[in-house]
């Protein structure tokens, strides 16, 4: 998959309505919701990443593993690893839930296997399980998510000055803003940036399809 780092700037920030011009965020590609694997390479990557862990043991699950490996290599190529601490966005399920999916941590373990200078910390966690956003009509606000989250650092651990919040898809920006708020509340002297595998984009409609042909 060919990729380049894309900045979430004024040209596209309005697609993610909880972000503002103080949020510094980047992504590797663009994901179009409600389209399948064949729509784009990024769609294929995201759909494979999001395969449920209840598919583990089935032949198709190898595509999730391959996607995790791919994103780990992408991170290694574009991030100055000695300069940052990664913070994965908490998944929708608690660690005690059978459907708990630690794909973001697995991605970071792949990248750390390529360069042991990588540092990451699950300093923001979600103790209870909630429906995944993509499986629910309920899209929680940053305030609601912030109230669900807990913040804790390991004993004697100090994160690096730059903190990179990692998530797979940037949709509204609510999860990013909630995690950022938790970090800034406890570590106000740190610089916080977002990195996403993809940002969700609205599907483009061909204007010619809006009108019925006069010949019909």
C-alpha atoms as a PDB file:
ATOM      1  CA  UNK A   1       0.000   0.000   0.000  1.00  0.00           C
ATOM      2  CA  UNK A   2       1.406   3.387  -1.008  1.00  0.00           C
ATOM      3  CA  UNK A   3       0.788   6.029   1.632  1.00  0.00           C
ATOM      4  CA  UNK A   4       1.763   9.508   2.688  1.00  0.00           C
ATOM      5  CA  UNK A   5       1.132  11.363   5.897  1.00  0.00           C
ATOM      6  CA  UNK A   6      -1.865  13.689   5.524  1.00  0.00           C
ATOM      7  CA  UNK A   7      -2.363  16.680   7.826  1.00  0.00           C
ATOM      8  CA  UNK A   8      -5.901  17.344   9.064  1.00  0.00           C
ATOM      9  CA  UNK A   9      -5.994  21.024   8.144  1.00  0.00           C
ATOM     10  CA  UNK A  10      -8.541  23.696   7.237  1.00  0.00           C
ATOM     11  CA  UNK A  11      -9.367  21.911   3.981  1.00  0.00           C
ATOM     12  CA  UNK A  12     -10.817  18.849   5.754  1.00  0.00           C
ATOM     13  CA  UNK A  13     -11.166  19.594   9.465  1.00  0.00           C
ATOM     14  CA  UNK A  14     -14.899  20.318   9.137  1.00  0.00           C
ATOM     15  CA  UNK A  15     -15.438  16.621   8.304  1.00  0.00           C
ATOM     16  CA  UNK A  16     -14.528  15.931  11.959  1.00  0.00           C
ATOM     17  CA  UNK A  17     -16.686  18.379  13.853  1.00  0.00           C
ATOM     18  CA  UNK A  18     -15.198  18.049  17.347  1.00  0.00           C
ATOM     19  CA  UNK A  19     -11.774  19.162  16.096  1.00  0.00           C
ATOM     20  CA  UNK A  20     -10.705  22.785  16.051  1.00  0.00           C
ATOM     21  CA  UNK A  21      -7.694  24.624  14.684  1.00  0.00           C
ATOM     22  CA  UNK A  22      -5.719  23.933  17.872  1.00  0.00           C
ATOM     23  CA  UNK A  23      -5.823  20.164  17.201  1.00  0.00           C
ATOM     24  CA  UNK A  24      -2.745  18.929  15.382  1.00  0.00           C
ATOM     25  CA  UNK A  25      -3.689  15.635  13.721  1.00  0.00           C
ATOM     26  CA  UNK A  26      -2.391  13.438  10.901  1.00  0.00           C
ATOM     27  CA  UNK A  27      -3.520  10.305   9.084  1.00  0.00           C
ATOM     28  CA  UNK A  28      -2.158   7.830   6.555  1.00  0.00           C
ATOM     29  CA  UNK A  29      -5.182   7.595   4.267  1.00  0.00           C
ATOM     30  CA  UNK A  30      -8.885   8.190   3.726  1.00  0.00           C
ATOM     31  CA  UNK A  31     -11.624   5.687   4.554  1.00  0.00           C
ATOM     32  CA  UNK A  32     -15.085   5.827   2.979  1.00  0.00           C
ATOM     33  CA  UNK A  33     -17.771   4.419   5.266  1.00  0.00           C
ATOM     34  CA  UNK A  34     -20.398   1.952   4.021  1.00  0.00           C
ATOM     35  CA  UNK A  35     -18.122   0.842   1.199  1.00  0.00           C
ATOM     36  CA  UNK A  36     -16.410  -2.522   0.992  1.00  0.00           C
ATOM     37  CA  UNK A  37     -12.902  -3.874   0.734  1.00  0.00           C
ATOM     38  CA  UNK A  38     -12.666  -3.215  -2.992  1.00  0.00           C
ATOM     39  CA  UNK A  39     -13.430   0.504  -2.735  1.00  0.00           C
ATOM     40  CA  UNK A  40      -9.853   1.465  -1.834  1.00  0.00           C
ATOM     41  CA  UNK A  41      -6.684   0.112  -0.277  1.00  0.00           C
ATOM     42  CA  UNK A  42      -7.394   2.146   2.847  1.00  0.00           C
ATOM     43  CA  UNK A  43     -10.898   0.702   3.124  1.00  0.00           C
ATOM     44  CA  UNK A  44      -9.430  -2.778   2.901  1.00  0.00           C
ATOM     45  CA  UNK A  45      -6.875  -1.972   5.593  1.00  0.00           C
ATOM     46  CA  UNK A  46      -9.427  -0.490   8.010  1.00  0.00           C
ATOM     47  CA  UNK A  47     -11.999  -3.252   7.533  1.00  0.00           C
ATOM     48  CA  UNK A  48      -9.323  -5.858   8.202  1.00  0.00           C
ATOM     49  CA  UNK A  49      -8.080  -3.991  11.280  1.00  0.00           C
ATOM     50  CA  UNK A  50     -11.596  -3.837  12.696  1.00  0.00           C
ATOM     51  CA  UNK A  51     -12.374  -7.549  12.307  1.00  0.00           C
ATOM     52  CA  UNK A  52     -13.916  -8.669  15.574  1.00  0.00           C
ATOM     53  CA  UNK A  53     -11.822 -10.827  17.858  1.00  0.00           C
ATOM     54  CA  UNK A  54     -14.636 -13.384  17.839  1.00  0.00           C
ATOM     55  CA  UNK A  55     -13.358 -14.299  14.354  1.00  0.00           C
ATOM     56  CA  UNK A  56     -10.042 -15.470  15.831  1.00  0.00           C
ATOM     57  CA  UNK A  57      -9.248 -18.997  14.746  1.00  0.00           C
ATOM     58  CA  UNK A  58     -11.001 -18.589  11.400  1.00  0.00           C
ATOM     59  CA  UNK A  59      -9.024 -18.344   8.152  1.00  0.00           C
ATOM     60  CA  UNK A  60     -10.082 -14.730   7.587  1.00  0.00           C
ATOM     61  CA  UNK A  61      -8.455 -13.599  10.838  1.00  0.00           C
ATOM     62  CA  UNK A  62      -5.034 -13.665   9.230  1.00  0.00           C
ATOM     63  CA  UNK A  63      -6.022 -10.485   7.370  1.00  0.00           C
ATOM     64  CA  UNK A  64      -6.398  -8.655  10.689  1.00  0.00           C
ATOM     65  CA  UNK A  65      -2.945  -9.846  11.727  1.00  0.00           C
ATOM     66  CA  UNK A  66      -1.500  -8.708   8.391  1.00  0.00           C
ATOM     67  CA  UNK A  67      -3.156  -5.283   8.760  1.00  0.00           C
ATOM     68  CA  UNK A  68      -1.678  -4.866  12.244  1.00  0.00           C
ATOM     69  CA  UNK A  69       1.770  -5.702  10.872  1.00  0.00           C
ATOM     70  CA  UNK A  70       1.322  -3.257   7.994  1.00  0.00           C
ATOM     71  CA  UNK A  71       0.365  -0.323  10.204  1.00  0.00           C
ATOM     72  CA  UNK A  72       3.232  -1.074  12.585  1.00  0.00           C
ATOM     73  CA  UNK A  73       5.655  -0.765   9.681  1.00  0.00           C
ATOM     74  CA  UNK A  74       3.974   2.461   8.523  1.00  0.00           C
ATOM     75  CA  UNK A  75       4.466   4.027  11.949  1.00  0.00           C
ATOM     76  CA  UNK A  76       8.127   3.016  11.988  1.00  0.00           C
ATOM     77  CA  UNK A  77       8.646   4.828   8.676  1.00  0.00           C
ATOM     78  CA  UNK A  78       7.129   8.205   9.577  1.00  0.00           C
ATOM     79  CA  UNK A  79       7.544   8.854  13.319  1.00  0.00           C
ATOM     80  CA  UNK A  80      10.737   9.970  15.079  1.00  0.00           C
ATOM     81  CA  UNK A  81      10.294   7.252  17.668  1.00  0.00           C
ATOM     82  CA  UNK A  82      12.813   8.493  20.290  1.00  0.00           C
ATOM     83  CA  UNK A  83      10.945  11.810  20.535  1.00  0.00           C
ATOM     84  CA  UNK A  84       7.411  10.671  21.410  1.00  0.00           C
ATOM     85  CA  UNK A  85       5.285   8.573  23.722  1.00  0.00           C
ATOM     86  CA  UNK A  86       2.307   6.877  22.041  1.00  0.00           C
ATOM     87  CA  UNK A  87      -1.031   6.675  23.838  1.00  0.00           C
ATOM     88  CA  UNK A  88      -3.552   4.285  22.231  1.00  0.00           C
ATOM     89  CA  UNK A  89      -7.208   5.317  22.369  1.00  0.00           C
ATOM     90  CA  UNK A  90      -9.030   2.854  24.658  1.00  0.00           C
ATOM     91  CA  UNK A  91     -11.179   0.280  22.828  1.00  0.00           C
ATOM     92  CA  UNK A  92     -14.909   0.101  23.434  1.00  0.00           C
ATOM     93  CA  UNK A  93     -14.630  -3.044  25.563  1.00  0.00           C
ATOM     94  CA  UNK A  94     -12.937  -3.435  28.942  1.00  0.00           C
ATOM     95  CA  UNK A  95      -9.952  -5.754  29.312  1.00  0.00           C
ATOM     96  CA  UNK A  96     -12.137  -8.336  31.050  1.00  0.00           C
ATOM     97  CA  UNK A  97     -14.590  -8.461  28.132  1.00  0.00           C
ATOM     98  CA  UNK A  98     -14.261 -11.442  25.730  1.00  0.00           C
ATOM     99  CA  UNK A  99     -14.523  -8.971  22.835  1.00  0.00           C
ATOM    100  CA  UNK A 100     -11.696  -6.745  24.107  1.00  0.00           C
ATOM    101  CA  UNK A 101      -9.590  -5.786  21.076  1.00  0.00           C
ATOM    102  CA  UNK A 102      -6.084  -4.467  21.721  1.00  0.00           C
ATOM    103  CA  UNK A 103      -5.245  -3.954  18.033  1.00  0.00           C
ATOM    104  CA  UNK A 104      -3.691  -0.531  18.695  1.00  0.00           C
ATOM    105  CA  UNK A 105      -1.324  -1.963  21.291  1.00  0.00           C
ATOM    106  CA  UNK A 106      -0.486  -4.816  18.931  1.00  0.00           C
ATOM    107  CA  UNK A 107       0.352  -2.257  16.236  1.00  0.00           C
ATOM    108  CA  UNK A 108       2.692  -0.462  18.643  1.00  0.00           C
ATOM    109  CA  UNK A 109       4.329  -3.755  19.637  1.00  0.00           C
ATOM    110  CA  UNK A 110       5.037  -4.430  15.960  1.00  0.00           C
ATOM    111  CA  UNK A 111       6.617  -0.984  15.585  1.00  0.00           C
ATOM    112  CA  UNK A 112       8.629  -1.474  18.781  1.00  0.00           C
ATOM    113  CA  UNK A 113       9.876  -4.784  17.440  1.00  0.00           C
ATOM    114  CA  UNK A 114      11.286  -2.810  14.503  1.00  0.00           C
ATOM    115  CA  UNK A 115      12.787  -0.113  16.754  1.00  0.00           C
ATOM    116  CA  UNK A 116      13.039  -0.657  20.496  1.00  0.00           C
ATOM    117  CA  UNK A 117      13.197   3.092  21.132  1.00  0.00           C
ATOM    118  CA  UNK A 118       9.406   3.254  20.714  1.00  0.00           C
ATOM    119  CA  UNK A 119       7.612   4.133  23.934  1.00  0.00           C
ATOM    120  CA  UNK A 120       3.912   3.728  24.584  1.00  0.00           C
ATOM    121  CA  UNK A 121       1.683   3.833  27.631  1.00  0.00           C
ATOM    122  CA  UNK A 122      -1.974   2.967  28.196  1.00  0.00           C
ATOM    123  CA  UNK A 123      -2.323   5.926  30.530  1.00  0.00           C
ATOM    124  CA  UNK A 124      -5.972   6.475  29.528  1.00  0.00           C
ATOM    125  CA  UNK A 125      -8.266   3.469  29.967  1.00  0.00           C
ATOM    126  CA  UNK A 126     -11.984   2.663  29.929  1.00  0.00           C
ATOM    127  CA  UNK A 127     -12.865   0.305  32.812  1.00  0.00           C
ATOM    128  CA  UNK A 128     -16.364  -0.577  31.565  1.00  0.00           C
ATOM    129  CA  UNK A 129     -17.571  -1.979  28.232  1.00  0.00           C
ATOM    130  CA  UNK A 130     -19.755   0.038  25.877  1.00  0.00           C
ATOM    131  CA  UNK A 131     -21.156  -0.661  22.401  1.00  0.00           C
ATOM    132  CA  UNK A 132     -18.658   0.064  19.634  1.00  0.00           C
ATOM    133  CA  UNK A 133     -19.487   3.355  17.928  1.00  0.00           C
ATOM    134  CA  UNK A 134     -19.678   1.706  14.501  1.00  0.00           C
ATOM    135  CA  UNK A 135     -22.263  -0.764  15.920  1.00  0.00           C
ATOM    136  CA  UNK A 136     -24.453   1.880  17.532  1.00  0.00           C
ATOM    137  CA  UNK A 137     -26.517   4.927  16.642  1.00  0.00           C
ATOM    138  CA  UNK A 138     -25.195   6.571  19.810  1.00  0.00           C
ATOM    139  CA  UNK A 139     -22.121   8.697  19.201  1.00  0.00           C
ATOM    140  CA  UNK A 140     -20.875   9.870  22.587  1.00  0.00           C
ATOM    141  CA  UNK A 141     -19.542  13.392  22.949  1.00  0.00           C
ATOM    142  CA  UNK A 142     -16.014  14.124  24.198  1.00  0.00           C
ATOM    143  CA  UNK A 143     -17.494  15.044  27.598  1.00  0.00           C
ATOM    144  CA  UNK A 144     -19.304  11.698  27.863  1.00  0.00           C
ATOM    145  CA  UNK A 145     -16.164   9.791  26.908  1.00  0.00           C
ATOM    146  CA  UNK A 146     -14.020  11.816  29.294  1.00  0.00           C
ATOM    147  CA  UNK A 147     -16.333  10.790  32.137  1.00  0.00           C
ATOM    148  CA  UNK A 148     -15.860   7.110  31.189  1.00  0.00           C
ATOM    149  CA  UNK A 149     -12.076   7.280  31.088  1.00  0.00           C
ATOM    150  CA  UNK A 150      -9.530   6.770  33.837  1.00  0.00           C
ATOM    151  CA  UNK A 151      -6.004   8.178  33.847  1.00  0.00           C
ATOM    152  CA  UNK A 152      -3.081   6.459  35.518  1.00  0.00           C
ATOM    153  CA  UNK A 153       0.675   6.383  34.987  1.00  0.00           C
ATOM    154  CA  UNK A 154       2.827   3.407  35.973  1.00  0.00           C
ATOM    155  CA  UNK A 155       5.004   4.013  39.071  1.00  0.00           C
ATOM    156  CA  UNK A 156       8.156   6.039  38.347  1.00  0.00           C
ATOM    157  CA  UNK A 157       7.193   6.431  34.681  1.00  0.00           C
ATOM    158  CA  UNK A 158       7.579   9.735  32.862  1.00  0.00           C
ATOM    159  CA  UNK A 159       6.228  10.069  29.319  1.00  0.00           C
ATOM    160  CA  UNK A 160       8.214  11.993  26.766  1.00  0.00           C
ATOM    161  CA  UNK A 161       7.435  15.634  26.055  1.00  0.00           C
ATOM    162  CA  UNK A 162       5.528  14.912  22.824  1.00  0.00           C
ATOM    163  CA  UNK A 163       2.560  12.571  23.192  1.00  0.00           C
ATOM    164  CA  UNK A 164       1.046  10.955  20.100  1.00  0.00           C
ATOM    165  CA  UNK A 165      -2.533   9.707  20.497  1.00  0.00           C
ATOM    166  CA  UNK A 166      -3.048   6.712  18.190  1.00  0.00           C
ATOM    167  CA  UNK A 167      -6.395   5.560  16.783  1.00  0.00           C
ATOM    168  CA  UNK A 168      -7.493   3.677  13.686  1.00  0.00           C
ATOM    169  CA  UNK A 169     -10.221   5.955  12.251  1.00  0.00           C
ATOM    170  CA  UNK A 170     -10.856   9.654  12.802  1.00  0.00           C
ATOM    171  CA  UNK A 171     -14.628  10.146  12.548  1.00  0.00           C
ATOM    172  CA  UNK A 172     -16.083  12.959  14.650  1.00  0.00           C
ATOM    173  CA  UNK A 173     -12.920  13.432  16.691  1.00  0.00           C
ATOM    174  CA  UNK A 174     -14.724  12.764  19.993  1.00  0.00           C
ATOM    175  CA  UNK A 175     -12.420   9.974  21.219  1.00  0.00           C
ATOM    176  CA  UNK A 176      -9.318  11.965  20.354  1.00  0.00           C
ATOM    177  CA  UNK A 177     -10.602  15.062  22.148  1.00  0.00           C
ATOM    178  CA  UNK A 178     -11.557  13.073  25.256  1.00  0.00           C
ATOM    179  CA  UNK A 179      -8.169  11.343  25.482  1.00  0.00           C
ATOM    180  CA  UNK A 180      -6.388  14.646  24.798  1.00  0.00           C
ATOM    181  CA  UNK A 181      -8.369  16.333  27.581  1.00  0.00           C
ATOM    182  CA  UNK A 182      -7.451  13.570  30.038  1.00  0.00           C
ATOM    183  CA  UNK A 183      -3.764  13.851  29.165  1.00  0.00           C
ATOM    184  CA  UNK A 184      -3.681  17.647  29.283  1.00  0.00           C
ATOM    185  CA  UNK A 185      -5.505  17.644  32.628  1.00  0.00           C
ATOM    186  CA  UNK A 186      -2.815  15.487  34.239  1.00  0.00           C
ATOM    187  CA  UNK A 187       0.202  16.447  32.097  1.00  0.00           C
ATOM    188  CA  UNK A 188      -0.345  20.089  31.129  1.00  0.00           C
ATOM    189  CA  UNK A 189       3.253  20.612  30.011  1.00  0.00           C
ATOM    190  CA  UNK A 190       3.117  17.967  27.256  1.00  0.00           C
ATOM    191  CA  UNK A 191       2.513  18.545  23.538  1.00  0.00           C
ATOM    192  CA  UNK A 192      -0.359  16.334  22.327  1.00  0.00           C
ATOM    193  CA  UNK A 193      -0.780  15.297  18.671  1.00  0.00           C
ATOM    194  CA  UNK A 194      -3.117  12.807  16.970  1.00  0.00           C
ATOM    195  CA  UNK A 195      -2.143  10.054  14.529  1.00  0.00           C
ATOM    196  CA  UNK A 196      -4.819   8.013  12.733  1.00  0.00           C
ATOM    197  CA  UNK A 197      -4.553   5.158  10.280  1.00  0.00           C
ATOM    198  CA  UNK A 198      -7.317   6.874   8.280  1.00  0.00           C
ATOM    199  CA  UNK A 199      -9.831   9.652   8.443  1.00  0.00           C
ATOM    200  CA  UNK A 200     -13.409   8.980   7.443  1.00  0.00           C
ATOM    201  CA  UNK A 201     -14.466  10.985   4.409  1.00  0.00           C
ATOM    202  CA  UNK A 202     -17.976  11.572   3.080  1.00  0.00           C
ATOM    203  CA  UNK A 203     -18.661   9.717  -0.124  1.00  0.00           C
ATOM    204  CA  UNK A 204     -18.469  11.959  -3.173  1.00  0.00           C
ATOM    205  CA  UNK A 205     -21.625  12.058  -5.277  1.00  0.00           C
ATOM    206  CA  UNK A 206     -21.344  12.659  -9.006  1.00  0.00           C
ATOM    207  CA  UNK A 207     -23.501  15.774  -9.652  1.00  0.00           C
ATOM    208  CA  UNK A 208     -24.658  14.194 -12.910  1.00  0.00           C
ATOM    209  CA  UNK A 209     -26.400  11.473 -10.862  1.00  0.00           C
ATOM    210  CA  UNK A 210     -28.605  14.012  -9.053  1.00  0.00           C
ATOM    211  CA  UNK A 211     -30.701  14.863 -12.091  1.00  0.00           C
ATOM    212  CA  UNK A 212     -32.821  12.618 -14.280  1.00  0.00           C
ATOM    213  CA  UNK A 213     -31.824  12.731 -17.918  1.00  0.00           C
ATOM    214  CA  UNK A 214     -34.197  14.762 -20.079  1.00  0.00           C
ATOM    215  CA  UNK A 215     -34.120  11.900 -22.564  1.00  0.00           C
ATOM    216  CA  UNK A 216     -35.809   9.518 -20.083  1.00  0.00           C
END
